[in-house]
Amino acid sequence: MLGGIIIVNRNGLRWRDAPKEYGPSKTLYNRWKRCGEKGMFVAMMDGLPTDRRRTQDNNDRCDLSQKRTERHLACG
């Protein structure tokens, strides 16, 4: 169900245009509405990393690969 809700919202689809594999469109809509009213989507989003943390992690990875390359070149 969650996959169907994400596809509809991400692609700007109408509920009735959701892929049939996610179930009836009315059921998707009702679950989306109930979960939203209970604050479940907000709670899920709060658990995701912020852009700052994501950027910091990516920079750390780049720095490590650069250090490995420098060490390899120095030995060669």
N, C-alpha and C. Protein backbone atom coordinates (compact mmCIF):
# COMPACT_ATOMS: atom_id res chain seq x y z
N MET A 1 0.81 -1.20 0.00
CA MET A 1 0.00 0.00 0.00
C MET A 1 0.85 1.27 0.00
N LEU A 2 1.86 1.29 0.85
CA LEU A 2 2.69 2.48 0.95
C LEU A 2 3.35 2.82 -0.39
N GLY A 3 3.78 1.79 -1.10
CA GLY A 3 4.38 2.01 -2.42
C GLY A 3 3.43 2.70 -3.38
N GLY A 4 2.17 2.29 -3.36
CA GLY A 4 1.16 2.91 -4.22
C GLY A 4 0.92 4.36 -3.86
N ILE A 5 0.87 4.65 -2.56
CA ILE A 5 0.67 6.02 -2.09
C ILE A 5 1.84 6.90 -2.53
N ILE A 6 3.04 6.37 -2.40
CA ILE A 6 4.23 7.13 -2.80
C ILE A 6 4.22 7.41 -4.30
N ILE A 7 3.89 6.41 -5.10
CA ILE A 7 3.85 6.58 -6.56
C ILE A 7 2.85 7.66 -6.95
N VAL A 8 1.67 7.63 -6.37
CA VAL A 8 0.63 8.61 -6.69
C VAL A 8 1.11 10.01 -6.34
N ASN A 9 1.63 10.20 -5.13
CA ASN A 9 2.05 11.53 -4.70
C ASN A 9 3.29 12.01 -5.44
N ARG A 10 4.23 11.15 -5.66
CA ARG A 10 5.48 11.55 -6.31
C ARG A 10 5.27 11.94 -7.77
N ASN A 11 4.38 11.24 -8.45
CA ASN A 11 4.16 11.49 -9.88
C ASN A 11 2.96 12.36 -10.18
N GLY A 12 2.27 12.82 -9.16
CA GLY A 12 1.12 13.69 -9.37
C GLY A 12 -0.05 12.99 -10.06
N LEU A 13 -0.21 11.70 -9.80
CA LEU A 13 -1.28 10.94 -10.44
C LEU A 13 -2.60 11.12 -9.69
N ARG A 14 -3.68 10.81 -10.39
CA ARG A 14 -4.97 10.69 -9.72
C ARG A 14 -4.98 9.32 -9.05
N TRP A 15 -5.74 9.19 -7.98
CA TRP A 15 -5.78 7.92 -7.25
C TRP A 15 -6.20 6.78 -8.16
N ARG A 16 -7.13 7.04 -9.06
CA ARG A 16 -7.61 5.96 -9.93
C ARG A 16 -6.58 5.54 -10.98
N ASP A 17 -5.51 6.34 -11.15
CA ASP A 17 -4.46 6.00 -12.11
C ASP A 17 -3.29 5.24 -11.47
N ALA A 18 -3.41 4.93 -10.19
CA ALA A 18 -2.35 4.16 -9.51
C ALA A 18 -2.28 2.76 -10.12
N PRO A 19 -1.09 2.18 -10.18
CA PRO A 19 -0.97 0.81 -10.71
C PRO A 19 -1.87 -0.16 -9.94
N LYS A 20 -2.52 -1.03 -10.65
CA LYS A 20 -3.49 -1.97 -10.04
C LYS A 20 -2.84 -2.90 -9.03
N GLU A 21 -1.53 -3.13 -9.15
CA GLU A 21 -0.85 -4.05 -8.24
C GLU A 21 -0.85 -3.56 -6.79
N TYR A 22 -1.16 -2.28 -6.58
CA TYR A 22 -1.20 -1.73 -5.22
C TYR A 22 -2.60 -1.78 -4.61
N GLY A 23 -3.53 -2.33 -5.33
CA GLY A 23 -4.88 -2.48 -4.81
C GLY A 23 -5.82 -1.42 -5.34
N PRO A 24 -7.07 -1.47 -4.87
CA PRO A 24 -8.08 -0.52 -5.34
C PRO A 24 -7.71 0.93 -4.99
N SER A 25 -8.01 1.84 -5.89
CA SER A 25 -7.66 3.25 -5.67
C SER A 25 -8.36 3.82 -4.45
N LYS A 26 -9.59 3.41 -4.21
CA LYS A 26 -10.33 3.91 -3.04
C LYS A 26 -9.63 3.50 -1.74
N THR A 27 -9.11 2.28 -1.71
CA THR A 27 -8.38 1.80 -0.53
C THR A 27 -7.10 2.60 -0.33
N LEU A 28 -6.36 2.84 -1.41
CA LEU A 28 -5.14 3.66 -1.32
C LEU A 28 -5.46 5.04 -0.75
N TYR A 29 -6.50 5.65 -1.30
CA TYR A 29 -6.87 6.99 -0.85
C TYR A 29 -7.26 6.98 0.63
N ASN A 30 -8.08 6.01 1.03
CA ASN A 30 -8.52 5.95 2.43
C ASN A 30 -7.35 5.75 3.38
N ARG A 31 -6.41 4.89 3.01
CA ARG A 31 -5.22 4.67 3.85
C ARG A 31 -4.38 5.95 3.93
N TRP A 32 -4.21 6.62 2.79
CA TRP A 32 -3.45 7.86 2.76
C TRP A 32 -4.09 8.91 3.68
N LYS A 33 -5.40 9.02 3.59
CA LYS A 33 -6.13 10.01 4.40
C LYS A 33 -6.01 9.69 5.88
N ARG A 34 -6.24 8.42 6.25
CA ARG A 34 -6.18 8.03 7.67
C ARG A 34 -4.76 8.18 8.23
N CYS A 35 -3.77 7.74 7.47
CA CYS A 35 -2.38 7.85 7.94
C CYS A 35 -1.97 9.31 8.10
N GLY A 36 -2.41 10.14 7.18
CA GLY A 36 -2.11 11.57 7.27
C GLY A 36 -2.74 12.21 8.48
N GLU A 37 -3.98 11.85 8.77
CA GLU A 37 -4.68 12.40 9.93
C GLU A 37 -4.02 11.97 11.24
N LYS A 38 -3.44 10.78 11.25
CA LYS A 38 -2.77 10.27 12.46
C LYS A 38 -1.34 10.79 12.59
N GLY A 39 -0.85 11.48 11.58
CA GLY A 39 0.50 12.03 11.62
C GLY A 39 1.59 11.02 11.31
N MET A 40 1.23 9.92 10.69
CA MET A 40 2.22 8.87 10.41
C MET A 40 3.26 9.31 9.39
N PHE A 41 2.86 10.08 8.38
CA PHE A 41 3.81 10.51 7.36
C PHE A 41 4.80 11.53 7.94
N VAL A 42 4.33 12.39 8.82
CA VAL A 42 5.22 13.35 9.47
C VAL A 42 6.25 12.61 10.32
N ALA A 43 5.79 11.59 11.05
CA ALA A 43 6.70 10.80 11.89
C ALA A 43 7.74 10.08 11.03
N MET A 44 7.32 9.57 9.88
CA MET A 44 8.26 8.89 8.99
C MET A 44 9.29 9.87 8.45
N MET A 45 8.85 11.06 8.07
CA MET A 45 9.77 12.06 7.52
C MET A 45 10.75 12.54 8.58
N ASP A 46 10.30 12.63 9.83
CA ASP A 46 11.20 13.05 10.92
C ASP A 46 12.33 12.05 11.12
N GLY A 47 12.11 10.80 10.76
CA GLY A 47 13.13 9.77 10.92
C GLY A 47 14.17 9.75 9.81
N LEU A 48 13.93 10.50 8.73
CA LEU A 48 14.88 10.53 7.61
C LEU A 48 16.00 11.52 7.90
N PRO A 49 17.19 11.31 7.35
CA PRO A 49 18.29 12.25 7.57
C PRO A 49 18.01 13.58 6.89
N THR A 50 18.53 14.63 7.48
CA THR A 50 18.36 15.96 6.89
C THR A 50 19.36 16.12 5.75
N ASP A 51 19.17 17.12 4.93
CA ASP A 51 20.08 17.38 3.81
C ASP A 51 21.50 17.62 4.31
N ARG A 52 21.63 18.29 5.45
CA ARG A 52 22.94 18.61 5.98
C ARG A 52 23.72 17.34 6.31
N ARG A 53 23.05 16.39 6.95
CA ARG A 53 23.72 15.14 7.31
C ARG A 53 24.08 14.35 6.06
N ARG A 54 23.19 14.35 5.07
CA ARG A 54 23.46 13.63 3.83
C ARG A 54 24.67 14.23 3.12
N THR A 55 24.75 15.55 3.07
CA THR A 55 25.86 16.24 2.41
C THR A 55 27.16 15.96 3.15
N GLN A 56 27.10 15.99 4.48
CA GLN A 56 28.30 15.74 5.27
C GLN A 56 28.82 14.32 5.03
N ASP A 57 27.92 13.34 5.01
CA ASP A 57 28.32 11.96 4.75
C ASP A 57 28.97 11.83 3.38
N ASN A 58 28.40 12.47 2.38
CA ASN A 58 28.96 12.39 1.03
C ASN A 58 30.35 13.01 0.97
N ASN A 59 30.55 14.13 1.67
CA ASN A 59 31.86 14.76 1.68
C ASN A 59 32.89 13.88 2.36
N ASP A 60 32.50 13.22 3.44
CA ASP A 60 33.42 12.32 4.14
C ASP A 60 33.85 11.19 3.22
N ARG A 61 32.93 10.66 2.46
CA ARG A 61 33.27 9.56 1.55
C ARG A 61 34.26 10.03 0.49
N CYS A 62 34.06 11.23 -0.02
CA CYS A 62 34.98 11.75 -1.04
C CYS A 62 36.36 11.95 -0.45
N ASP A 63 36.44 12.48 0.76
CA ASP A 63 37.73 12.70 1.38
C ASP A 63 38.49 11.39 1.56
N LEU A 64 37.79 10.35 1.99
CA LEU A 64 38.45 9.06 2.20
C LEU A 64 39.01 8.51 0.90
N SER A 65 38.25 8.62 -0.18
CA SER A 65 38.73 8.08 -1.45
C SER A 65 39.93 8.88 -1.95
N GLN A 66 39.93 10.17 -1.71
CA GLN A 66 41.07 10.99 -2.13
C GLN A 66 42.32 10.61 -1.35
N LYS A 67 42.16 10.34 -0.05
CA LYS A 67 43.32 9.95 0.76
C LYS A 67 43.87 8.61 0.31
N ARG A 68 42.99 7.68 -0.01
CA ARG A 68 43.45 6.37 -0.48
C ARG A 68 44.22 6.52 -1.80
N THR A 69 43.74 7.37 -2.67
CA THR A 69 44.39 7.58 -3.96
C THR A 69 45.76 8.21 -3.76
N GLU A 70 45.84 9.21 -2.88
CA GLU A 70 47.13 9.88 -2.63
C GLU A 70 48.14 8.89 -2.06
N ARG A 71 47.70 8.04 -1.14
CA ARG A 71 48.59 7.06 -0.53
C ARG A 71 49.07 6.06 -1.59
N HIS A 72 48.15 5.64 -2.46
CA HIS A 72 48.51 4.69 -3.52
C HIS A 72 49.53 5.32 -4.48
N LEU A 73 49.31 6.56 -4.85
CA LEU A 73 50.22 7.23 -5.78
C LEU A 73 51.60 7.45 -5.15
N ALA A 74 51.61 7.71 -3.85
CA ALA A 74 52.89 7.94 -3.17
C ALA A 74 53.72 6.66 -3.12
N CYS A 75 53.06 5.53 -3.03
CA CYS A 75 53.78 4.24 -2.97
C CYS A 75 54.22 3.78 -4.35
N GLY A 76 53.58 4.27 -5.39
CA GLY A 76 53.83 3.76 -6.73
C GLY A 76 55.05 4.32 -7.31
